[in-house]
Amino acid sequence: MGRLISCVALALAAAACVHEDDHPAVTAQASDSNVVVRAEFGRVWWSRCAWSEPHELWALPDAASVEDLRVSKIDSGYVVTFHQRGREWRGTFNPDPKHAESGALARD
């Protein structure tokens, strides 16, 4: 019985190691600041740099791959745009802790 449990545990561990997301991560960096936006695992995240703690912005509206991800500085924070299935999506966020908020993700 112990051998069977060991074999099952080993098989599950091997399966977990080869699991991949259906779509690769997509990243964009604001050209005039240290803000990185990443679309991965069904969500859009932002962080100060690629290796810092990510902060969730939105759930992706579709399971399709993200294309043309962009982030740009605006007066009140940042605007993020991307395409999924030929549709453009847009959202805004402000990373300032005093005003940390994100606008709703909307289709352009």
PDB file of N, CA and C in Angstrom:
ATOM      1  N   MET A   1       0.824  -1.195   0.000  1.00  0.00           N
ATOM      2  CA  MET A   1       0.000   0.000   0.000  1.00  0.00           C
ATOM      3  C   MET A   1       0.869   1.260   0.000  1.00  0.00           C
ATOM      4  N   GLY A   2       1.928   1.251   0.811  1.00  0.00           N
ATOM      5  CA  GLY A   2       2.839   2.386   0.876  1.00  0.00           C
ATOM      6  C   GLY A   2       3.520   2.636  -0.464  1.00  0.00           C
ATOM      7  N   ARG A   3       3.833   1.560  -1.174  1.00  0.00           N
ATOM      8  CA  ARG A   3       4.468   1.697  -2.495  1.00  0.00           C
ATOM      9  C   ARG A   3       3.511   2.326  -3.497  1.00  0.00           C
ATOM     10  N   LEU A   4       2.246   1.961  -3.438  1.00  0.00           N
ATOM     11  CA  LEU A   4       1.234   2.528  -4.326  1.00  0.00           C
ATOM     12  C   LEU A   4       1.076   4.024  -4.080  1.00  0.00           C
ATOM     13  N   ILE A   5       1.036   4.423  -2.829  1.00  0.00           N
ATOM     14  CA  ILE A   5       0.917   5.842  -2.487  1.00  0.00           C
ATOM     15  C   ILE A   5       2.138   6.604  -2.990  1.00  0.00           C
ATOM     16  N   SER A   6       3.314   6.021  -2.843  1.00  0.00           N
ATOM     17  CA  SER A   6       4.531   6.672  -3.332  1.00  0.00           C
ATOM     18  C   SER A   6       4.494   6.852  -4.839  1.00  0.00           C
ATOM     19  N   CYS A   7       4.031   5.836  -5.557  1.00  0.00           N
ATOM     20  CA  CYS A   7       3.943   5.914  -7.018  1.00  0.00           C
ATOM     21  C   CYS A   7       2.943   6.984  -7.457  1.00  0.00           C
ATOM     22  N   VAL A   8       1.808   7.059  -6.782  1.00  0.00           N
ATOM     23  CA  VAL A   8       0.794   8.065  -7.106  1.00  0.00           C
ATOM     24  C   VAL A   8       1.338   9.465  -6.824  1.00  0.00           C
ATOM     25  N   ALA A   9       1.995   9.641  -5.695  1.00  0.00           N
ATOM     26  CA  ALA A   9       2.571  10.946  -5.358  1.00  0.00           C
ATOM     27  C   ALA A   9       3.617  11.361  -6.375  1.00  0.00           C
ATOM     28  N   LEU A  10       4.456  10.425  -6.803  1.00  0.00           N
ATOM     29  CA  LEU A  10       5.474  10.716  -7.807  1.00  0.00           C
ATOM     30  C   LEU A  10       4.836  11.096  -9.144  1.00  0.00           C
ATOM     31  N   ALA A  11       3.798  10.396  -9.542  1.00  0.00           N
ATOM     32  CA  ALA A  11       3.103  10.706 -10.798  1.00  0.00           C
ATOM     33  C   ALA A  11       2.454  12.087 -10.744  1.00  0.00           C
ATOM     34  N   LEU A  12       1.838  12.433  -9.629  1.00  0.00           N
ATOM     35  CA  LEU A  12       1.226  13.752  -9.482  1.00  0.00           C
ATOM     36  C   LEU A  12       2.278  14.856  -9.503  1.00  0.00           C
ATOM     37  N   ALA A  13       3.399  14.629  -8.857  1.00  0.00           N
ATOM     38  CA  ALA A  13       4.481  15.622  -8.853  1.00  0.00           C
ATOM     39  C   ALA A  13       5.028  15.822 -10.256  1.00  0.00           C
ATOM     40  N   ALA A  14       5.186  14.751 -11.008  1.00  0.00           N
ATOM     41  CA  ALA A  14       5.687  14.854 -12.381  1.00  0.00           C
ATOM     42  C   ALA A  14       4.699  15.614 -13.257  1.00  0.00           C
ATOM     43  N   ALA A  15       3.421  15.340 -13.080  1.00  0.00           N
ATOM     44  CA  ALA A  15       2.403  16.046 -13.867  1.00  0.00           C
ATOM     45  C   ALA A  15       2.396  17.532 -13.541  1.00  0.00           C
ATOM     46  N   ALA A  16       2.591  17.891 -12.295  1.00  0.00           N
ATOM     47  CA  ALA A  16       2.609  19.305 -11.900  1.00  0.00           C
ATOM     48  C   ALA A  16       3.804  20.025 -12.499  1.00  0.00           C
ATOM     49  N   CYS A  17       4.916  19.344 -12.637  1.00  0.00           N
ATOM     50  CA  CYS A  17       6.129  19.973 -13.170  1.00  0.00           C
ATOM     51  C   CYS A  17       6.032  20.281 -14.656  1.00  0.00           C
ATOM     52  N   VAL A  18       5.236  19.530 -15.395  1.00  0.00           N
ATOM     53  CA  VAL A  18       5.151  19.757 -16.836  1.00  0.00           C
ATOM     54  C   VAL A  18       3.935  20.585 -17.229  1.00  0.00           C
ATOM     55  N   HIS A  19       3.096  20.952 -16.261  1.00  0.00           N
ATOM     56  CA  HIS A  19       1.909  21.752 -16.573  1.00  0.00           C
ATOM     57  C   HIS A  19       2.319  23.145 -17.028  1.00  0.00           C
ATOM     58  N   GLU A  20       1.723  23.606 -18.090  1.00  0.00           N
ATOM     59  CA  GLU A  20       1.981  24.949 -18.598  1.00  0.00           C
ATOM     60  C   GLU A  20       0.666  25.665 -18.821  1.00  0.00           C
ATOM     61  N   ASP A  21       0.711  26.984 -18.730  1.00  0.00           N
ATOM     62  CA  ASP A  21      -0.452  27.800 -19.054  1.00  0.00           C
ATOM     63  C   ASP A  21      -0.716  27.656 -20.546  1.00  0.00           C
ATOM     64  N   ASP A  22      -1.977  27.719 -20.948  1.00  0.00           N
ATOM     65  CA  ASP A  22      -2.317  27.600 -22.365  1.00  0.00           C
ATOM     66  C   ASP A  22      -1.693  28.706 -23.201  1.00  0.00           C
ATOM     67  N   HIS A  23      -1.518  29.861 -22.614  1.00  0.00           N
ATOM     68  CA  HIS A  23      -0.976  31.013 -23.331  1.00  0.00           C
ATOM     69  C   HIS A  23       0.248  31.535 -22.591  1.00  0.00           C
ATOM     70  N   PRO A  24       1.291  31.876 -23.314  1.00  0.00           N
ATOM     71  CA  PRO A  24       2.466  32.426 -22.632  1.00  0.00           C
ATOM     72  C   PRO A  24       2.172  33.801 -22.035  1.00  0.00           C
ATOM     73  N   ALA A  25       2.944  34.162 -21.033  1.00  0.00           N
ATOM     74  CA  ALA A  25       2.794  35.480 -20.415  1.00  0.00           C
ATOM     75  C   ALA A  25       3.168  36.559 -21.426  1.00  0.00           C
ATOM     76  N   VAL A  26       2.462  37.676 -21.350  1.00  0.00           N
ATOM     77  CA  VAL A  26       2.732  38.831 -22.201  1.00  0.00           C
ATOM     78  C   VAL A  26       3.043  39.991 -21.272  1.00  0.00           C
ATOM     79  N   THR A  27       4.127  40.720 -21.540  1.00  0.00           N
ATOM     80  CA  THR A  27       4.492  41.843 -20.683  1.00  0.00           C
ATOM     81  C   THR A  27       4.686  43.114 -21.496  1.00  0.00           C
ATOM     82  N   ALA A  28       4.520  44.236 -20.819  1.00  0.00           N
ATOM     83  CA  ALA A  28       4.767  45.556 -21.409  1.00  0.00           C
ATOM     84  C   ALA A  28       5.288  46.457 -20.308  1.00  0.00           C
ATOM     85  N   GLN A  29       6.161  47.384 -20.667  1.00  0.00           N
ATOM     86  CA  GLN A  29       6.709  48.323 -19.694  1.00  0.00           C
ATOM     87  C   GLN A  29       6.457  49.738 -20.168  1.00  0.00           C
ATOM     88  N   ALA A  30       6.036  50.600 -19.245  1.00  0.00           N
ATOM     89  CA  ALA A  30       5.843  52.010 -19.568  1.00  0.00           C
ATOM     90  C   ALA A  30       7.213  52.606 -19.883  1.00  0.00           C
ATOM     91  N   SER A  31       7.321  53.314 -20.973  1.00  0.00           N
ATOM     92  CA  SER A  31       8.617  53.815 -21.424  1.00  0.00           C
ATOM     93  C   SER A  31       9.197  54.898 -20.523  1.00  0.00           C
ATOM     94  N   ASP A  32       8.346  55.612 -19.810  1.00  0.00           N
ATOM     95  CA  ASP A  32       8.835  56.732 -19.002  1.00  0.00           C
ATOM     96  C   ASP A  32       8.770  56.487 -17.496  1.00  0.00           C
ATOM     97  N   SER A  33       8.639  55.230 -17.067  1.00  0.00           N
ATOM     98  CA  SER A  33       8.600  54.937 -15.633  1.00  0.00           C
ATOM     99  C   SER A  33       8.909  53.467 -15.388  1.00  0.00           C
ATOM    100  N   ASN A  34       8.987  53.117 -14.116  1.00  0.00           N
ATOM    101  CA  ASN A  34       9.260  51.733 -13.732  1.00  0.00           C
ATOM    102  C   ASN A  34       7.966  50.988 -13.429  1.00  0.00           C
ATOM    103  N   VAL A  35       7.113  50.871 -14.401  1.00  0.00           N
ATOM    104  CA  VAL A  35       5.872  50.113 -14.247  1.00  0.00           C
ATOM    105  C   VAL A  35       5.829  49.038 -15.336  1.00  0.00           C
ATOM    106  N   VAL A  36       5.632  47.804 -14.893  1.00  0.00           N
ATOM    107  CA  VAL A  36       5.536  46.668 -15.804  1.00  0.00           C
ATOM    108  C   VAL A  36       4.132  46.091 -15.675  1.00  0.00           C
ATOM    109  N   VAL A  37       3.504  45.795 -16.802  1.00  0.00           N
ATOM    110  CA  VAL A  37       2.184  45.163 -16.821  1.00  0.00           C
ATOM    111  C   VAL A  37       2.353  43.786 -17.448  1.00  0.00           C
ATOM    112  N   ARG A  38       1.660  42.806 -16.882  1.00  0.00           N
ATOM    113  CA  ARG A  38       1.792  41.420 -17.331  1.00  0.00           C
ATOM    114  C   ARG A  38       0.409  40.791 -17.446  1.00  0.00           C
ATOM    115  N   ALA A  39       0.164  40.086 -18.530  1.00  0.00           N
ATOM    116  CA  ALA A  39      -1.076  39.313 -18.703  1.00  0.00           C
ATOM    117  C   ALA A  39      -0.685  37.840 -18.614  1.00  0.00           C
ATOM    118  N   GLU A  40      -1.223  37.177 -17.591  1.00  0.00           N
ATOM    119  CA  GLU A  40      -0.848  35.787 -17.349  1.00  0.00           C
ATOM    120  C   GLU A  40      -1.881  35.126 -16.441  1.00  0.00           C
ATOM    121  N   PHE A  41      -2.147  33.853 -16.688  1.00  0.00           N
ATOM    122  CA  PHE A  41      -3.058  33.064 -15.862  1.00  0.00           C
ATOM    123  C   PHE A  41      -4.445  33.693 -15.741  1.00  0.00           C
ATOM    124  N   GLY A  42      -4.933  34.262 -16.836  1.00  0.00           N
ATOM    125  CA  GLY A  42      -6.286  34.807 -16.856  1.00  0.00           C
ATOM    126  C   GLY A  42      -6.452  36.151 -16.174  1.00  0.00           C
ATOM    127  N   ARG A  43      -5.353  36.820 -15.860  1.00  0.00           N
ATOM    128  CA  ARG A  43      -5.406  38.091 -15.151  1.00  0.00           C
ATOM    129  C   ARG A  43      -4.421  39.087 -15.758  1.00  0.00           C
ATOM    130  N   VAL A  44      -4.634  40.366 -15.452  1.00  0.00           N
ATOM    131  CA  VAL A  44      -3.685  41.425 -15.792  1.00  0.00           C
ATOM    132  C   VAL A  44      -3.140  41.945 -14.472  1.00  0.00           C
ATOM    133  N   TRP A  45      -1.805  42.047 -14.378  1.00  0.00           N
ATOM    134  CA  TRP A  45      -1.109  42.438 -13.164  1.00  0.00           C
ATOM    135  C   TRP A  45      -0.193  43.621 -13.459  1.00  0.00           C
ATOM    136  N   TRP A  46       0.153  44.388 -12.436  1.00  0.00           N
ATOM    137  CA  TRP A  46       1.179  45.410 -12.584  1.00  0.00           C
ATOM    138  C   TRP A  46       2.182  45.247 -11.447  1.00  0.00           C
ATOM    139  N   SER A  47       3.409  45.693 -11.691  1.00  0.00           N
ATOM    140  CA  SER A  47       4.443  45.712 -10.660  1.00  0.00           C
ATOM    141  C   SER A  47       5.441  46.818 -10.987  1.00  0.00           C
ATOM    142  N   ARG A  48       6.274  47.150 -10.038  1.00  0.00           N
ATOM    143  CA  ARG A  48       7.281  48.207 -10.224  1.00  0.00           C
ATOM    144  C   ARG A  48       8.419  47.750 -11.127  1.00  0.00           C
ATOM    145  N   CYS A  49       8.690  46.457 -11.133  1.00  0.00           N
ATOM    146  CA  CYS A  49       9.701  45.887 -12.023  1.00  0.00           C
ATOM    147  C   CYS A  49       9.361  44.405 -12.197  1.00  0.00           C
ATOM    148  N   ALA A  50      10.049  43.753 -13.097  1.00  0.00           N
ATOM    149  CA  ALA A  50       9.702  42.373 -13.438  1.00  0.00           C
ATOM    150  C   ALA A  50       9.820  41.407 -12.261  1.00  0.00           C
ATOM    151  N   TRP A  51      10.660  41.697 -11.285  1.00  0.00           N
ATOM    152  CA  TRP A  51      10.878  40.765 -10.181  1.00  0.00           C
ATOM    153  C   TRP A  51      10.201  41.195  -8.874  1.00  0.00           C
ATOM    154  N   SER A  52       9.462  42.290  -8.882  1.00  0.00           N
ATOM    155  CA  SER A  52       8.785  42.723  -7.654  1.00  0.00           C
ATOM    156  C   SER A  52       7.383  42.117  -7.552  1.00  0.00           C
ATOM    157  N   GLU A  53       6.780  42.287  -6.396  1.00  0.00           N
ATOM    158  CA  GLU A  53       5.461  41.706  -6.132  1.00  0.00           C
ATOM    159  C   GLU A  53       4.409  42.253  -7.104  1.00  0.00           C
ATOM    160  N   PRO A  54       3.670  41.360  -7.784  1.00  0.00           N
ATOM    161  CA  PRO A  54       2.623  41.831  -8.701  1.00  0.00           C
ATOM    162  C   PRO A  54       1.346  42.199  -7.951  1.00  0.00           C
ATOM    163  N   HIS A  55       0.599  43.124  -8.542  1.00  0.00           N
ATOM    164  CA  HIS A  55      -0.693  43.554  -7.996  1.00  0.00           C
ATOM    165  C   HIS A  55      -1.737  43.315  -9.081  1.00  0.00           C
ATOM    166  N   GLU A  56      -2.792  42.605  -8.731  1.00  0.00           N
ATOM    167  CA  GLU A  56      -3.809  42.278  -9.726  1.00  0.00           C
ATOM    168  C   GLU A  56      -4.630  43.508 -10.096  1.00  0.00           C
ATOM    169  N   LEU A  57      -4.857  43.661 -11.404  1.00  0.00           N
ATOM    170  CA  LEU A  57      -5.714  44.739 -11.902  1.00  0.00           C
ATOM    171  C   LEU A  57      -7.079  44.220 -12.310  1.00  0.00           C
ATOM    172  N   TRP A  58      -7.118  43.250 -13.248  1.00  0.00           N
ATOM    173  CA  TRP A  58      -8.391  42.765 -13.776  1.00  0.00           C
ATOM    174  C   TRP A  58      -8.297  41.294 -14.155  1.00  0.00           C
ATOM    175  N   ALA A  59      -9.445  40.657 -14.197  1.00  0.00           N
ATOM    176  CA  ALA A  59      -9.553  39.345 -14.832  1.00  0.00           C
ATOM    177  C   ALA A  59      -9.662  39.595 -16.332  1.00  0.00           C
ATOM    178  N   LEU A  60      -9.006  38.761 -17.119  1.00  0.00           N
ATOM    179  CA  LEU A  60      -9.115  38.912 -18.574  1.00  0.00           C
ATOM    180  C   LEU A  60     -10.544  38.599 -19.012  1.00  0.00           C
ATOM    181  N   PRO A  61     -11.064  39.328 -19.981  1.00  0.00           N
ATOM    182  CA  PRO A  61     -12.450  39.124 -20.411  1.00  0.00           C
ATOM    183  C   PRO A  61     -12.672  37.836 -21.198  1.00  0.00           C
ATOM    184  N   ASP A  62     -11.588  37.210 -21.662  1.00  0.00           N
ATOM    185  CA  ASP A  62     -11.704  36.047 -22.526  1.00  0.00           C
ATOM    186  C   ASP A  62     -10.538  35.112 -22.231  1.00  0.00           C
ATOM    187  N   ALA A  63     -10.660  33.863 -22.624  1.00  0.00           N
ATOM    188  CA  ALA A  63      -9.577  32.903 -22.434  1.00  0.00           C
ATOM    189  C   ALA A  63      -8.570  32.936 -23.587  1.00  0.00           C
ATOM    190  N   ALA A  64      -8.825  33.735 -24.598  1.00  0.00           N
ATOM    191  CA  ALA A  64      -7.933  33.820 -25.756  1.00  0.00           C
ATOM    192  C   ALA A  64      -6.615  34.479 -25.374  1.00  0.00           C
ATOM    193  N   SER A  65      -5.617  34.309 -26.224  1.00  0.00           N
ATOM    194  CA  SER A  65      -4.316  34.925 -25.956  1.00  0.00           C
ATOM    195  C   SER A  65      -4.401  36.445 -26.061  1.00  0.00           C
ATOM    196  N   VAL A  66      -3.543  37.109 -25.316  1.00  0.00           N
ATOM    197  CA  VAL A  66      -3.477  38.571 -25.296  1.00  0.00           C
ATOM    198  C   VAL A  66      -2.451  39.018 -26.324  1.00  0.00           C
ATOM    199  N   GLU A  67      -2.826  40.020 -27.103  1.00  0.00           N
ATOM    200  CA  GLU A  67      -1.923  40.562 -28.122  1.00  0.00           C
ATOM    201  C   GLU A  67      -1.818  42.071 -27.943  1.00  0.00           C
ATOM    202  N   ASP A  68      -0.703  42.629 -28.367  1.00  0.00           N
ATOM    203  CA  ASP A  68      -0.480  44.083 -28.369  1.00  0.00           C
ATOM    204  C   ASP A  68      -0.690  44.727 -27.001  1.00  0.00           C
ATOM    205  N   LEU A  69      -0.202  44.101 -25.952  1.00  0.00           N
ATOM    206  CA  LEU A  69      -0.310  44.679 -24.606  1.00  0.00           C
ATOM    207  C   LEU A  69       0.569  45.919 -24.531  1.00  0.00           C
ATOM    208  N   ARG A  70      -0.009  47.029 -24.054  1.00  0.00           N
ATOM    209  CA  ARG A  70       0.710  48.297 -23.931  1.00  0.00           C
ATOM    210  C   ARG A  70       0.313  48.984 -22.634  1.00  0.00           C
ATOM    211  N   VAL A  71       1.260  49.731 -22.087  1.00  0.00           N
ATOM    212  CA  VAL A  71       0.987  50.548 -20.905  1.00  0.00           C
ATOM    213  C   VAL A  71       1.646  51.902 -21.124  1.00  0.00           C
ATOM    214  N   SER A  72       0.894  52.969 -20.830  1.00  0.00           N
ATOM    215  CA  SER A  72       1.385  54.334 -21.030  1.00  0.00           C
ATOM    216  C   SER A  72       0.996  55.190 -19.846  1.00  0.00           C
ATOM    217  N   LYS A  73       1.848  56.151 -19.524  1.00  0.00           N
ATOM    218  CA  LYS A  73       1.586  57.091 -18.435  1.00  0.00           C
ATOM    219  C   LYS A  73       0.558  58.117 -18.876  1.00  0.00           C
ATOM    220  N   ILE A  74      -0.400  58.411 -17.996  1.00  0.00           N
ATOM    221  CA  ILE A  74      -1.367  59.490 -18.193  1.00  0.00           C
ATOM    222  C   ILE A  74      -1.367  60.324 -16.909  1.00  0.00           C
ATOM    223  N   ASP A  75      -2.066  61.428 -16.909  1.00  0.00           N
ATOM    224  CA  ASP A  75      -2.067  62.326 -15.735  1.00  0.00           C
ATOM    225  C   ASP A  75      -2.473  61.629 -14.446  1.00  0.00           C
ATOM    226  N   SER A  76      -3.470  60.787 -14.488  1.00  0.00           N
ATOM    227  CA  SER A  76      -3.998  60.165 -13.280  1.00  0.00           C
ATOM    228  C   SER A  76      -3.449  58.757 -13.031  1.00  0.00           C
ATOM    229  N   GLY A  77      -2.374  58.376 -13.693  1.00  0.00           N
ATOM    230  CA  GLY A  77      -1.811  57.044 -13.498  1.00  0.00           C
ATOM    231  C   GLY A  77      -1.328  56.445 -14.804  1.00  0.00           C
ATOM    232  N   TYR A  78      -1.927  55.311 -15.181  1.00  0.00           N
ATOM    233  CA  TYR A  78      -1.515  54.598 -16.387  1.00  0.00           C
ATOM    234  C   TYR A  78      -2.737  54.067 -17.119  1.00  0.00           C
ATOM    235  N   VAL A  79      -2.591  53.921 -18.422  1.00  0.00           N
ATOM    236  CA  VAL A  79      -3.629  53.290 -19.236  1.00  0.00           C
ATOM    237  C   VAL A  79      -3.021  52.026 -19.845  1.00  0.00           C
ATOM    238  N   VAL A  80      -3.787  50.952 -19.796  1.00  0.00           N
ATOM    239  CA  VAL A  80      -3.379  49.663 -20.342  1.00  0.00           C
ATOM    240  C   VAL A  80      -4.321  49.329 -21.492  1.00  0.00           C
ATOM    241  N   THR A  81      -3.761  48.924 -22.618  1.00  0.00           N
ATOM    242  CA  THR A  81      -4.581  48.471 -23.742  1.00  0.00           C
ATOM    243  C   THR A  81      -4.040  47.133 -24.237  1.00  0.00           C
ATOM    244  N   PHE A  82      -4.937  46.319 -24.766  1.00  0.00           N
ATOM    245  CA  PHE A  82      -4.536  45.046 -25.369  1.00  0.00           C
ATOM    246  C   PHE A  82      -5.667  44.559 -26.262  1.00  0.00           C
ATOM    247  N   HIS A  83      -5.371  43.542 -27.067  1.00  0.00           N
ATOM    248  CA  HIS A  83      -6.366  42.933 -27.947  1.00  0.00           C
ATOM    249  C   HIS A  83      -6.571  41.474 -27.562  1.00  0.00           C
ATOM    250  N   GLN A  84      -7.812  41.039 -27.652  1.00  0.00           N
ATOM    251  CA  GLN A  84      -8.186  39.636 -27.528  1.00  0.00           C
ATOM    252  C   GLN A  84      -9.255  39.362 -28.577  1.00  0.00           C
ATOM    253  N   ARG A  85      -9.028  38.344 -29.390  1.00  0.00           N
ATOM    254  CA  ARG A  85      -9.973  37.978 -30.456  1.00  0.00           C
ATOM    255  C   ARG A  85     -10.349  39.177 -31.331  1.00  0.00           C
ATOM    256  N   GLY A  86      -9.373  40.045 -31.605  1.00  0.00           N
ATOM    257  CA  GLY A  86      -9.614  41.189 -32.480  1.00  0.00           C
ATOM    258  C   GLY A  86     -10.307  42.368 -31.821  1.00  0.00           C
ATOM    259  N   ARG A  87     -10.636  42.261 -30.568  1.00  0.00           N
ATOM    260  CA  ARG A  87     -11.284  43.366 -29.847  1.00  0.00           C
ATOM    261  C   ARG A  87     -10.253  44.073 -28.981  1.00  0.00           C
ATOM    262  N   GLU A  88     -10.340  45.402 -28.941  1.00  0.00           N
ATOM    263  CA  GLU A  88      -9.422  46.169 -28.101  1.00  0.00           C
ATOM    264  C   GLU A  88     -10.063  46.406 -26.740  1.00  0.00           C
ATOM    265  N   TRP A  89      -9.255  46.222 -25.687  1.00  0.00           N
ATOM    266  CA  TRP A  89      -9.682  46.451 -24.319  1.00  0.00           C
ATOM    267  C   TRP A  89      -8.802  47.528 -23.707  1.00  0.00           C
ATOM    268  N   ARG A  90      -9.389  48.278 -22.770  1.00  0.00           N
ATOM    269  CA  ARG A  90      -8.692  49.415 -22.176  1.00  0.00           C
ATOM    270  C   ARG A  90      -9.080  49.529 -20.706  1.00  0.00           C
ATOM    271  N   GLY A  91      -8.095  49.864 -19.882  1.00  0.00           N
ATOM    272  CA  GLY A  91      -8.343  50.100 -18.465  1.00  0.00           C
ATOM    273  C   GLY A  91      -7.294  51.043 -17.919  1.00  0.00           C
ATOM    274  N   THR A  92      -7.613  51.713 -16.835  1.00  0.00           N
ATOM    275  CA  THR A  92      -6.670  52.638 -16.207  1.00  0.00           C
ATOM    276  C   THR A  92      -6.419  52.211 -14.766  1.00  0.00           C
ATOM    277  N   PHE A  93      -5.241  52.588 -14.257  1.00  0.00           N
ATOM    278  CA  PHE A  93      -4.946  52.328 -12.856  1.00  0.00           C
ATOM    279  C   PHE A  93      -3.963  53.369 -12.352  1.00  0.00           C
ATOM    280  N   ASN A  94      -3.959  53.536 -11.039  1.00  0.00           N
ATOM    281  CA  ASN A  94      -3.051  54.464 -10.374  1.00  0.00           C
ATOM    282  C   ASN A  94      -2.303  53.674  -9.307  1.00  0.00           C
ATOM    283  N   PRO A  95      -0.983  53.511  -9.441  1.00  0.00           N
ATOM    284  CA  PRO A  95      -0.225  52.716  -8.473  1.00  0.00           C
ATOM    285  C   PRO A  95       0.125  53.451  -7.186  1.00  0.00           C
ATOM    286  N   ASP A  96      -0.158  54.736  -7.109  1.00  0.00           N
ATOM    287  CA  ASP A  96       0.155  55.521  -5.911  1.00  0.00           C
ATOM    288  C   ASP A  96      -0.647  54.970  -4.728  1.00  0.00           C
ATOM    289  N   PRO A  97       0.025  54.590  -3.634  1.00  0.00           N
ATOM    290  CA  PRO A  97      -0.699  54.033  -2.480  1.00  0.00           C
ATOM    291  C   PRO A  97      -1.800  54.950  -1.947  1.00  0.00           C
ATOM    292  N   LYS A  98      -1.650  56.260  -2.101  1.00  0.00           N
ATOM    293  CA  LYS A  98      -2.679  57.193  -1.640  1.00  0.00           C
ATOM    294  C   LYS A  98      -3.912  57.158  -2.539  1.00  0.00           C
ATOM    295  N   HIS A  99      -3.714  56.763  -3.783  1.00  0.00           N
ATOM    296  CA  HIS A  99      -4.812  56.738  -4.757  1.00  0.00           C
ATOM    297  C   HIS A  99      -4.900  55.391  -5.468  1.00  0.00           C
ATOM    298  N   ALA A 100      -4.452  54.327  -4.827  1.00  0.00           N
ATOM    299  CA  ALA A 100      -4.405  53.013  -5.473  1.00  0.00           C
ATOM    300  C   ALA A 100      -5.810  52.583  -5.870  1.00  0.00           C
ATOM    301  N   GLU A 101      -6.055  52.630  -7.138  1.00  0.00           N
ATOM    302  CA  GLU A 101      -7.359  52.249  -7.668  1.00  0.00           C
ATOM    303  C   GLU A 101      -7.186  51.879  -9.128  1.00  0.00           C
ATOM    304  N   SER A 102      -8.132  51.128  -9.635  1.00  0.00           N
ATOM    305  CA  SER A 102      -8.115  50.829 -11.059  1.00  0.00           C
ATOM    306  C   SER A 102      -9.515  51.041 -11.611  1.00  0.00           C
ATOM    307  N   GLY A 103      -9.554  51.590 -12.808  1.00  0.00           N
ATOM    308  CA  GLY A 103     -10.830  51.770 -13.481  1.00  0.00           C
ATOM    309  C   GLY A 103     -11.282  50.452 -14.064  1.00  0.00           C
ATOM    310  N   ALA A 104     -12.522  50.360 -14.386  1.00  0.00           N
ATOM    311  CA  ALA A 104     -13.069  49.137 -14.972  1.00  0.00           C
ATOM    312  C   ALA A 104     -12.430  48.875 -16.331  1.00  0.00           C
ATOM    313  N   LEU A 105     -12.246  47.608 -16.643  1.00  0.00           N
ATOM    314  CA  LEU A 105     -11.761  47.222 -17.955  1.00  0.00           C
ATOM    315  C   LEU A 105     -12.920  47.338 -18.928  1.00  0.00           C
ATOM    316  N   ALA A 106     -12.714  48.031 -20.040  1.00  0.00           N
ATOM    317  CA  ALA A 106     -13.803  48.267 -20.993  1.00  0.00           C
ATOM    318  C   ALA A 106     -13.321  48.020 -22.405  1.00  0.00           C
ATOM    319  N   ARG A 107     -14.247  47.697 -23.251  1.00  0.00           N
ATOM    320  CA  ARG A 107     -13.939  47.491 -24.669  1.00  0.00           C
ATOM    321  C   ARG A 107     -13.955  48.824 -25.386  1.00  0.00           C
ATOM    322  N   ASP A 108     -12.937  49.099 -26.178  1.00  0.00           N
ATOM    323  CA  ASP A 108     -12.897  50.340 -26.959  1.00  0.00           C
ATOM    324  C   ASP A 108     -13.659  50.177 -28.254  1.00  0.00           C
TER     325      ASP A 108
END
